[in-house]
Amino acid sequence: MNRAQRRKLIQMPKGKPRHNTASAAASNAQTGVTAQNAQGIIDNLPLPQLVAGINNLLKQLEQRGVSIYDWDDNGRMLYRLQMRRGKVFYLAAGEAPEPEAENPEKE
């Protein structure tokens, strides 16, 4: 490393985390987020942050007693999204089947 490189390294800020500009704008309490720029913030969010946001909304719906059902199979409910190898999968749980009452005449 030569002297110029060492000087440049000394002048660089240390320990300052780099944030996504969209999340930094959303967390900025002084300016706030208006309805006009909210769509621009969402458009610039990376995919993992979008999935995490959707999971937070799903948790809020679950706490309020609202279920999201599968269109093709009404017995399955959406409860979470998950990322695996860059792809997004939805996880759905089926309602537990009710145990059949034993019929004493059956024997």
Protein backbone atom coordinates (compact mmCIF):
# COMPACT_ATOMS: atom_id res chain seq x y z
CA MET A 1 0.00 0.00 0.00
CA ASN A 2 1.51 3.34 -0.98
CA ARG A 3 1.21 6.67 0.85
CA ALA A 4 -1.66 7.94 -1.28
CA GLN A 5 -3.69 4.82 -0.60
CA ARG A 6 -3.01 5.09 3.16
CA ARG A 7 -4.12 8.74 3.20
CA LYS A 8 -7.28 7.87 1.33
CA LEU A 9 -7.99 5.03 3.77
CA ILE A 10 -7.55 7.37 6.75
CA GLN A 11 -9.95 9.91 5.25
CA MET A 12 -12.72 7.35 4.69
CA PRO A 13 -15.49 7.33 7.31
CA LYS A 14 -15.34 4.30 9.57
CA GLY A 15 -18.16 2.23 10.98
CA LYS A 16 -20.96 4.09 9.25
CA PRO A 17 -23.50 1.51 8.02
CA ARG A 18 -24.78 1.83 4.50
CA HIS A 19 -28.55 1.82 4.31
CA ASN A 20 -30.89 1.39 1.44
CA THR A 21 -32.04 4.85 0.38
CA ALA A 22 -35.67 3.77 0.54
CA SER A 23 -35.45 2.45 4.09
CA ALA A 24 -33.42 5.49 5.16
CA ALA A 25 -36.10 7.80 3.76
CA ALA A 26 -38.84 5.80 5.48
CA SER A 27 -37.11 5.95 8.84
CA ASN A 28 -36.33 9.67 8.63
CA ALA A 29 -38.61 11.17 11.28
CA GLN A 30 -37.95 14.81 10.34
CA THR A 31 -39.32 14.65 6.80
CA GLY A 32 -41.78 11.80 7.26
CA VAL A 33 -43.30 9.73 4.50
CA THR A 34 -46.15 11.25 2.55
CA ALA A 35 -48.63 9.43 0.37
CA GLN A 36 -47.02 10.98 -2.69
CA ASN A 37 -43.58 9.44 -2.17
CA ALA A 38 -44.68 6.20 -0.47
CA GLN A 39 -45.01 4.36 -3.80
CA GLY A 40 -41.52 5.46 -4.80
CA ILE A 41 -40.14 4.10 -1.55
CA ILE A 42 -41.87 0.74 -2.05
CA ASP A 43 -40.66 0.56 -5.66
CA ASN A 44 -37.04 0.85 -4.50
CA LEU A 45 -37.19 -1.72 -1.68
CA PRO A 46 -35.21 -4.92 -2.22
CA LEU A 47 -37.13 -8.19 -2.39
CA PRO A 48 -36.19 -9.50 1.10
CA GLN A 49 -37.52 -6.30 2.72
CA LEU A 50 -40.77 -6.57 0.75
CA VAL A 51 -41.23 -10.19 1.88
CA ALA A 52 -40.53 -9.20 5.50
CA GLY A 53 -43.08 -6.39 5.24
CA ILE A 54 -45.73 -8.72 3.85
CA ASN A 55 -45.02 -11.19 6.68
CA ASN A 56 -45.51 -8.37 9.21
CA LEU A 57 -48.86 -7.52 7.62
CA LEU A 58 -49.88 -11.20 7.66
CA LYS A 59 -49.05 -11.33 11.38
CA GLN A 60 -51.23 -8.25 12.00
CA LEU A 61 -54.12 -9.83 10.11
CA GLU A 62 -53.72 -13.03 12.14
CA GLN A 63 -53.83 -11.04 15.40
CA ARG A 64 -57.07 -9.41 14.23
CA GLY A 65 -58.60 -12.77 13.39
CA VAL A 66 -58.56 -12.35 9.59
CA SER A 67 -57.51 -15.39 7.54
CA ILE A 68 -56.46 -15.48 3.88
CA TYR A 69 -57.78 -18.63 2.21
CA ASP A 70 -56.48 -20.43 -0.86
CA TRP A 71 -58.77 -19.84 -3.83
CA ASP A 72 -58.62 -23.46 -5.05
CA ASP A 73 -58.69 -25.17 -1.65
CA ASN A 74 -60.78 -23.41 0.97
CA GLY A 75 -59.27 -25.58 3.71
CA ARG A 76 -55.81 -24.01 3.29
CA MET A 77 -54.86 -20.65 4.78
CA LEU A 78 -51.85 -18.49 3.91
CA TYR A 79 -49.73 -17.80 6.95
CA ARG A 80 -46.28 -16.76 5.72
CA LEU A 81 -44.02 -16.02 2.76
CA GLN A 82 -40.50 -17.40 2.68
CA MET A 83 -37.48 -16.76 0.45
CA ARG A 84 -35.34 -19.65 -0.67
CA ARG A 85 -32.50 -19.17 -3.15
CA GLY A 86 -33.95 -15.90 -4.42
CA LYS A 87 -37.46 -17.27 -5.02
CA VAL A 88 -40.52 -16.44 -2.93
CA PHE A 89 -42.76 -19.26 -1.72
CA TYR A 90 -46.02 -19.01 0.18
CA LEU A 91 -46.62 -21.33 3.09
CA ALA A 92 -50.19 -22.43 3.63
CA ALA A 93 -51.57 -24.53 6.43
CA GLY A 94 -54.56 -26.78 6.10
CA GLU A 95 -57.19 -26.84 8.77
CA ALA A 96 -56.86 -29.88 10.98
CA PRO A 97 -59.57 -32.43 10.17
CA GLU A 98 -62.06 -32.87 12.96
CA PRO A 99 -61.69 -36.25 14.65
CA GLU A 100 -64.58 -38.51 13.86
CA ALA A 101 -66.62 -39.54 16.88
CA GLU A 102 -66.46 -43.22 17.53
CA ASN A 103 -69.70 -44.97 16.73
CA PRO A 104 -70.40 -47.70 19.29
CA GLU A 105 -72.79 -49.44 16.85
CA LYS A 106 -70.00 -49.82 14.32
CA GLU A 107 -68.43 -52.82 16.06
